Structure formats: structure tokens, C-alpha cells
């Protein structure tokens, strides 16, 4: 495991299995709820920091299982998205939110330009550098690559129940999402939907655009409802289910890479 260390904020990202030879590169931006000591927990208590507001519970476990199953490099965030949400651009209001769904975040209230710039420099830039490091290495080795980001979401949001269990999200490049959605018959009984519970209009596809579309790489974001990820066994089970959608989709992707090579 490689760690990118920053002297002020600590590690921004872990790179797991950096030399993985599979087609997929996995990204898990919201893998951790850790807060740098200097930020004094952002003024939050344990319950707040354990909640979905601070991270995506279960997402890292799923991503690790997928990394092993697919021999895929995995870039995982080491800091809470409340410090900086690495799936948001620096200019996004939700990159360093002052309010979550349920509560205020005192340590993010009234951040001045210097404080915001420090978080961009200490968290967002190193995280993006970790992703670029893996992708650049693979490009230099002429390895075919698809980007897959792993997230989880809450069963209830603003008091409304979410029935969707697995979301397959995309921005303007729909190829990998289309191919996965064509495989939903492999998971009978699962509620699987396109661009749910979020979509591009909700500012959730920054990583797909930055690391996938900008490089011309097929990409998809996978959202799993977090009540399906309550235990390690659940995480492994859901990783296996995702693989049932993703593996045949990647087999189809092989033809896209061949077409690109001959274009």
C-alpha cells in the first residue's frame, strides 16, 4: 500500500494494489471519516462523525473486495469529506460544506479564502495527484483502463425513504453505465436504477468528468444503499453483486478499446 503524505493534514489518499493488472481503476473518495487533529473534529461529536454526512459507510469495504476480485488499483480517501469532498471541484459550495442534511458543521462555518485554499492544497490536489499517478502509469504502459467510483447512500434523506438499492450513475459518457444496466437481469429482485438517488445535476460526477471523461476513459459511479452494507459479510456480498453487473460490461468495453485503437 502506498500512502501520499501531506505534512499539515496527513495522508490524503491510499493507493492500494497500484500495480493491479485488471482493466478497472477504482476510486473511493469518501472512504474515511478522519479529521486532522488541527481541525478539532470540526466541532462535531462522535455521532455526527459516524454518520453518512462525514463519509460513505461500507464503501471502502466494497471497494477493497472489488480491488481483489478485479486485480484493480484502488485510490481511497484518507480524510472525511467534511474536510474536503474530493468528488467536488474547489469552486463547488459543497466541497467544504458548512451545513449537512441534519446539522451545522462549525469548523466549516465562515472559512476565508486562505483556509479554503489550504484544504484544496492539502487534500484535493494530493488526492487528484494520486489518481493521476495511477492513470499516468497505466497510460505509459498502454494498459486499457475504465474508471469506477464507489459510494454509498442513506436509506432516508430529508425524511423521504429511498427504495433504490443500487444506483448506476454517469455523466455525458454513458457507455459503461449502459452496459451495466443491460445486465440487471443477473440480479433479480434488486432495485437498480440509472442516475439514482443522485445524478449529474446534483454535482456528484466531478471525478467521472475529471479522471474519466477528460482522458477519454469509460467511467461509471456506483452507489449502494448503506443499510445493505451493515457488516463485512454484507460488503463482500454487495461487491459480488456489483461484479455480476460490471464484469460482463467490461467484456463489452474491450471492443470499445479496440475501436479506439484503430480510430
Protein backbone atom coordinates (compact mmCIF):
# COMPACT_ATOMS: atom_id res chain seq x y z
CA UNK A 1 0.00 0.00 0.00
CA UNK A 2 1.31 3.44 -0.90
CA UNK A 3 0.38 6.48 1.18
CA UNK A 4 0.54 10.05 -0.05
CA UNK A 5 1.67 12.04 2.97
CA UNK A 6 0.97 15.72 3.48
CA UNK A 7 2.82 17.43 6.34
CA UNK A 8 -0.09 19.59 7.50
CA UNK A 9 -3.16 17.39 7.07
CA UNK A 10 -1.70 13.89 6.98
CA UNK A 11 -2.26 11.42 4.17
CA UNK A 12 -4.75 12.50 1.52
CA UNK A 13 -5.04 9.09 -0.13
CA UNK A 14 -4.05 5.46 -0.01
CA UNK A 15 -3.16 3.69 -3.22
CA UNK A 16 -4.00 0.01 -2.83
CA UNK A 17 -2.70 -2.55 -5.34
CA UNK A 18 -1.08 0.16 -7.52
CA UNK A 19 0.25 -2.41 -10.00
CA UNK A 20 -3.07 -4.19 -10.46
CA UNK A 21 -3.29 -5.56 -14.00
CA UNK A 22 -7.08 -5.55 -14.39
CA UNK A 23 -9.00 -3.15 -16.60
CA UNK A 24 -10.59 -1.16 -13.76
CA UNK A 25 -9.16 1.64 -11.64
CA UNK A 26 -11.30 2.10 -8.52
CA UNK A 27 -11.78 5.42 -6.72
CA UNK A 28 -13.38 5.73 -3.28
CA UNK A 29 -13.39 9.42 -2.39
CA UNK A 30 -15.50 9.10 0.78
CA UNK A 31 -13.73 6.12 2.35
CA UNK A 32 -12.89 7.74 5.71
CA UNK A 33 -14.39 9.93 8.43
CA UNK A 34 -10.99 11.01 9.82
CA UNK A 35 -10.46 14.66 10.75
CA UNK A 36 -6.95 16.16 11.08
CA UNK A 37 -6.12 16.95 14.70
CA UNK A 38 -5.55 20.61 13.84
CA UNK A 39 -9.21 20.96 12.81
CA UNK A 40 -10.50 19.89 16.25
CA UNK A 41 -13.11 17.46 14.85
CA UNK A 42 -14.70 20.42 13.02
CA UNK A 43 -16.69 20.90 16.22
CA UNK A 44 -18.62 17.64 15.74
CA UNK A 45 -19.42 14.83 18.17
CA UNK A 46 -18.94 11.09 17.65
CA UNK A 47 -22.47 10.55 16.36
CA UNK A 48 -22.03 13.20 13.69
CA UNK A 49 -18.66 11.83 12.62
CA UNK A 50 -20.04 8.29 12.40
CA UNK A 51 -22.91 9.43 10.20
CA UNK A 52 -23.14 9.44 6.42
CA UNK A 53 -22.53 13.18 6.47
CA UNK A 54 -18.85 12.53 7.26
CA UNK A 55 -18.19 9.55 4.96
CA UNK A 56 -19.77 6.70 2.95
CA UNK A 57 -20.13 3.77 5.38
CA UNK A 58 -19.36 0.45 3.72
CA UNK A 59 -17.98 1.94 0.52
CA UNK A 60 -14.33 1.21 1.30
CA UNK A 61 -15.11 -2.40 2.20
CA UNK A 62 -16.88 -2.91 -1.12
CA UNK A 63 -14.04 -1.20 -2.98
CA UNK A 64 -11.43 -3.40 -1.33
CA UNK A 65 -13.31 -6.56 -2.28
CA UNK A 66 -13.63 -5.32 -5.85
CA UNK A 67 -9.92 -4.46 -5.92
CA UNK A 68 -9.07 -8.06 -5.06
CA UNK A 69 -11.67 -9.62 -7.37
CA UNK A 70 -10.73 -7.47 -10.38
CA UNK A 71 -7.00 -7.03 -9.65
CA UNK A 72 -7.74 -3.30 -9.70
CA UNK A 73 -5.76 -0.38 -8.29
CA UNK A 74 -7.78 1.50 -5.68
CA UNK A 75 -7.34 5.13 -4.68
CA UNK A 76 -9.09 5.71 -1.35
CA UNK A 77 -9.52 8.98 0.50
CA UNK A 78 -7.96 9.17 3.97
CA UNK A 79 -9.90 12.20 5.26
CA UNK A 80 -13.55 12.97 5.83
CA UNK A 81 -15.45 14.60 3.02
CA UNK A 82 -16.37 17.29 5.56
CA UNK A 83 -12.73 18.39 5.48
CA UNK A 84 -12.83 18.38 1.68
CA UNK A 85 -15.13 16.40 -0.60
CA UNK A 86 -12.77 15.04 -3.25
CA UNK A 87 -15.72 14.42 -5.57
CA UNK A 88 -16.25 18.19 -5.80
CA UNK A 89 -14.35 20.90 -7.63
CA UNK A 90 -12.74 23.65 -5.48
CA UNK A 91 -15.33 26.18 -6.61
CA UNK A 92 -18.25 23.95 -5.55
CA UNK A 93 -20.15 25.18 -2.44
CA UNK A 94 -20.37 21.57 -1.23
CA UNK A 95 -16.63 20.95 -1.38
CA UNK A 96 -16.34 22.19 2.23
CA UNK A 97 -19.95 22.28 3.42
CA UNK A 98 -21.00 24.39 6.39
CA UNK A 99 -24.32 22.55 6.71
CA UNK A 100 -25.12 18.88 6.19
CA UNK A 101 -28.59 17.38 5.84
CA UNK A 102 -29.12 17.31 9.61
CA UNK A 103 -26.69 19.65 11.35
CA UNK A 104 -24.30 22.56 11.16
CA UNK A 105 -20.56 21.95 10.77
CA UNK A 106 -18.94 24.61 12.99
CA UNK A 107 -15.42 24.04 11.69
CA UNK A 108 -16.54 24.85 8.16
CA UNK A 109 -18.51 27.98 9.00
CA UNK A 110 -17.12 31.20 7.60
CA UNK A 111 -14.00 29.73 6.02
CA UNK A 112 -11.96 32.51 4.47
CA UNK A 113 -10.16 32.24 1.14
CA UNK A 114 -6.86 31.24 2.77
CA UNK A 115 -8.45 28.42 4.77
CA UNK A 116 -10.26 27.11 1.71
CA UNK A 117 -7.09 27.28 -0.35
CA UNK A 118 -5.20 25.34 2.33
CA UNK A 119 -7.71 22.49 2.17
CA UNK A 120 -7.58 22.44 -1.63
CA UNK A 121 -3.78 22.30 -1.49
CA UNK A 122 -3.59 19.74 1.32
CA UNK A 123 -6.45 17.39 0.44
CA UNK A 124 -7.95 17.82 -3.03
CA UNK A 125 -4.73 18.33 -5.03
CA UNK A 126 -2.87 15.38 -3.42
CA UNK A 127 -5.90 13.13 -3.87
CA UNK A 128 -6.16 14.05 -7.55
CA UNK A 129 -2.40 13.56 -7.88
CA UNK A 130 -2.78 10.02 -6.52
CA UNK A 131 -5.40 9.22 -9.15
CA UNK A 132 -3.30 10.82 -11.89
CA UNK A 133 -0.23 8.89 -10.77
CA UNK A 134 -2.02 5.58 -11.29
CA UNK A 135 -3.64 6.61 -14.57
CA UNK A 136 -0.44 8.08 -16.00
CA UNK A 137 1.46 4.90 -15.17
CA UNK A 138 -1.14 2.77 -16.89
CA UNK A 139 -1.22 5.06 -19.92
CA UNK A 140 2.56 4.84 -20.22
CA UNK A 141 2.27 1.04 -20.15
CA UNK A 142 -0.53 1.20 -22.76
CA UNK A 143 -2.97 -0.55 -20.40
CA UNK A 144 -6.68 -0.32 -21.11
CA UNK A 145 -8.50 1.42 -18.25
CA UNK A 146 -12.04 2.09 -17.08
CA UNK A 147 -12.81 4.32 -14.07
CA UNK A 148 -15.24 3.02 -11.42
CA UNK A 149 -16.05 5.11 -8.33
CA UNK A 150 -17.68 3.51 -5.28
CA UNK A 151 -20.12 5.27 -2.94
CA UNK A 152 -22.93 4.54 -0.51
CA UNK A 153 -26.09 6.47 0.32
CA UNK A 154 -28.61 6.68 3.14
CA UNK A 155 -31.97 4.82 3.10
CA UNK A 156 -33.75 8.03 4.22
CA UNK A 157 -32.91 11.54 3.07
CA UNK A 158 -34.74 14.64 4.30
CA UNK A 159 -37.39 12.31 5.71
CA UNK A 160 -38.05 10.51 2.42
CA UNK A 161 -37.49 6.77 2.03
CA UNK A 162 -35.30 5.68 -0.88
CA UNK A 163 -36.31 2.38 -2.43
CA UNK A 164 -33.45 2.21 -4.92
CA UNK A 165 -30.74 -0.20 -3.75
CA UNK A 166 -28.00 0.20 -6.36
CA UNK A 167 -27.53 3.34 -8.45
CA UNK A 168 -25.58 3.30 -11.71
CA UNK A 169 -24.54 6.91 -12.34
CA UNK A 170 -22.93 8.60 -15.32
CA UNK A 171 -22.31 12.00 -16.81
CA UNK A 172 -22.09 12.53 -20.59
CA UNK A 173 -20.23 9.26 -21.26
CA UNK A 174 -22.95 6.64 -20.78
CA UNK A 175 -21.14 3.62 -22.25
CA UNK A 176 -20.17 1.73 -19.11
CA UNK A 177 -23.39 2.61 -17.28
CA UNK A 178 -25.47 1.44 -20.27
CA UNK A 179 -23.54 -1.83 -20.40
CA UNK A 180 -24.03 -2.44 -16.66
CA UNK A 181 -27.73 -1.60 -16.77
CA UNK A 182 -28.12 -4.14 -19.58
CA UNK A 183 -27.02 -6.80 -17.06
CA UNK A 184 -29.56 -6.09 -14.32
CA UNK A 185 -31.35 -9.36 -15.12
CA UNK A 186 -28.42 -11.03 -13.33
CA UNK A 187 -29.67 -9.54 -10.03
CA UNK A 188 -33.39 -10.32 -9.97
CA UNK A 189 -35.21 -8.58 -7.15
CA UNK A 190 -32.67 -5.77 -6.77
CA UNK A 191 -33.92 -2.21 -7.30
CA UNK A 192 -31.26 -0.87 -9.68
CA UNK A 193 -31.69 2.50 -11.37
CA UNK A 194 -29.88 4.92 -13.64
CA UNK A 195 -28.65 8.18 -12.04
CA UNK A 196 -30.33 7.47 -8.71
CA UNK A 197 -30.54 8.56 -5.96
CA UNK A 198 -28.41 11.33 -7.49
CA UNK A 199 -27.44 12.42 -10.97
CA UNK A 200 -25.16 14.88 -12.77
CA UNK A 201 -27.49 17.74 -11.90
CA UNK A 202 -26.64 17.13 -8.22
CA UNK A 203 -22.92 17.85 -8.71
CA UNK A 204 -21.85 14.26 -7.98
CA UNK A 205 -19.95 13.36 -11.16
CA UNK A 206 -16.87 15.54 -10.76
CA UNK A 207 -14.48 12.57 -10.50
CA UNK A 208 -16.00 10.93 -13.56
CA UNK A 209 -15.51 14.08 -15.61
CA UNK A 210 -12.05 14.91 -14.28
CA UNK A 211 -10.43 11.48 -14.30
CA UNK A 212 -12.55 9.63 -16.84
CA UNK A 213 -14.07 11.84 -19.48
CA UNK A 214 -11.10 14.22 -19.70
CA UNK A 215 -8.92 11.22 -20.60
CA UNK A 216 -11.48 9.54 -22.83
CA UNK A 217 -11.80 6.59 -20.41
CA UNK A 218 -15.10 4.74 -19.89
CA UNK A 219 -16.40 5.55 -16.42
CA UNK A 220 -19.23 4.90 -14.00
CA UNK A 221 -20.20 5.76 -10.43
CA UNK A 222 -21.79 3.05 -8.29
CA UNK A 223 -24.00 3.99 -5.34
CA UNK A 224 -25.12 1.32 -2.84
CA UNK A 225 -27.71 1.93 -0.13
CA UNK A 226 -25.80 1.72 3.11
CA UNK A 227 -28.29 -0.43 5.04
CA UNK A 228 -27.13 -3.18 2.66
CA UNK A 229 -23.56 -2.69 3.95
CA UNK A 230 -24.02 -3.16 7.70
CA UNK A 231 -21.39 -5.91 8.10
CA UNK A 232 -18.21 -7.09 6.39
CA UNK A 233 -20.20 -10.01 5.01
CA UNK A 234 -22.70 -7.54 3.53
CA UNK A 235 -19.86 -5.59 1.92
CA UNK A 236 -18.49 -8.73 0.30
CA UNK A 237 -21.96 -9.79 -0.84
CA UNK A 238 -22.64 -6.44 -2.47
CA UNK A 239 -19.19 -6.41 -4.10
CA UNK A 240 -20.05 -9.79 -5.62
CA UNK A 241 -23.35 -8.42 -6.88
CA UNK A 242 -21.66 -5.39 -8.41
CA UNK A 243 -19.21 -7.73 -10.13
CA UNK A 244 -22.12 -9.56 -11.76
CA UNK A 245 -23.02 -6.28 -13.47
CA UNK A 246 -19.53 -4.94 -14.03
CA UNK A 247 -17.63 -7.96 -15.37
CA UNK A 248 -19.82 -8.55 -18.45
CA UNK A 249 -19.93 -4.79 -19.02
CA UNK A 250 -16.12 -4.73 -19.04
CA UNK A 251 -16.09 -7.57 -21.54
CA UNK A 252 -18.13 -5.32 -23.81
CA UNK A 253 -15.76 -2.45 -23.07
CA UNK A 254 -12.91 -4.44 -24.61
CA UNK A 255 -14.46 -3.78 -28.01
CA UNK A 256 -14.54 0.00 -27.33
CA UNK A 257 -10.85 -0.01 -26.57
CA UNK A 258 -10.16 -1.94 -29.75
CA UNK A 259 -12.22 0.53 -31.77
CA UNK A 260 -10.36 3.47 -30.18
CA UNK A 261 -7.01 1.89 -31.02
CA UNK A 262 -8.00 1.64 -34.69
CA UNK A 263 -9.71 5.02 -34.93
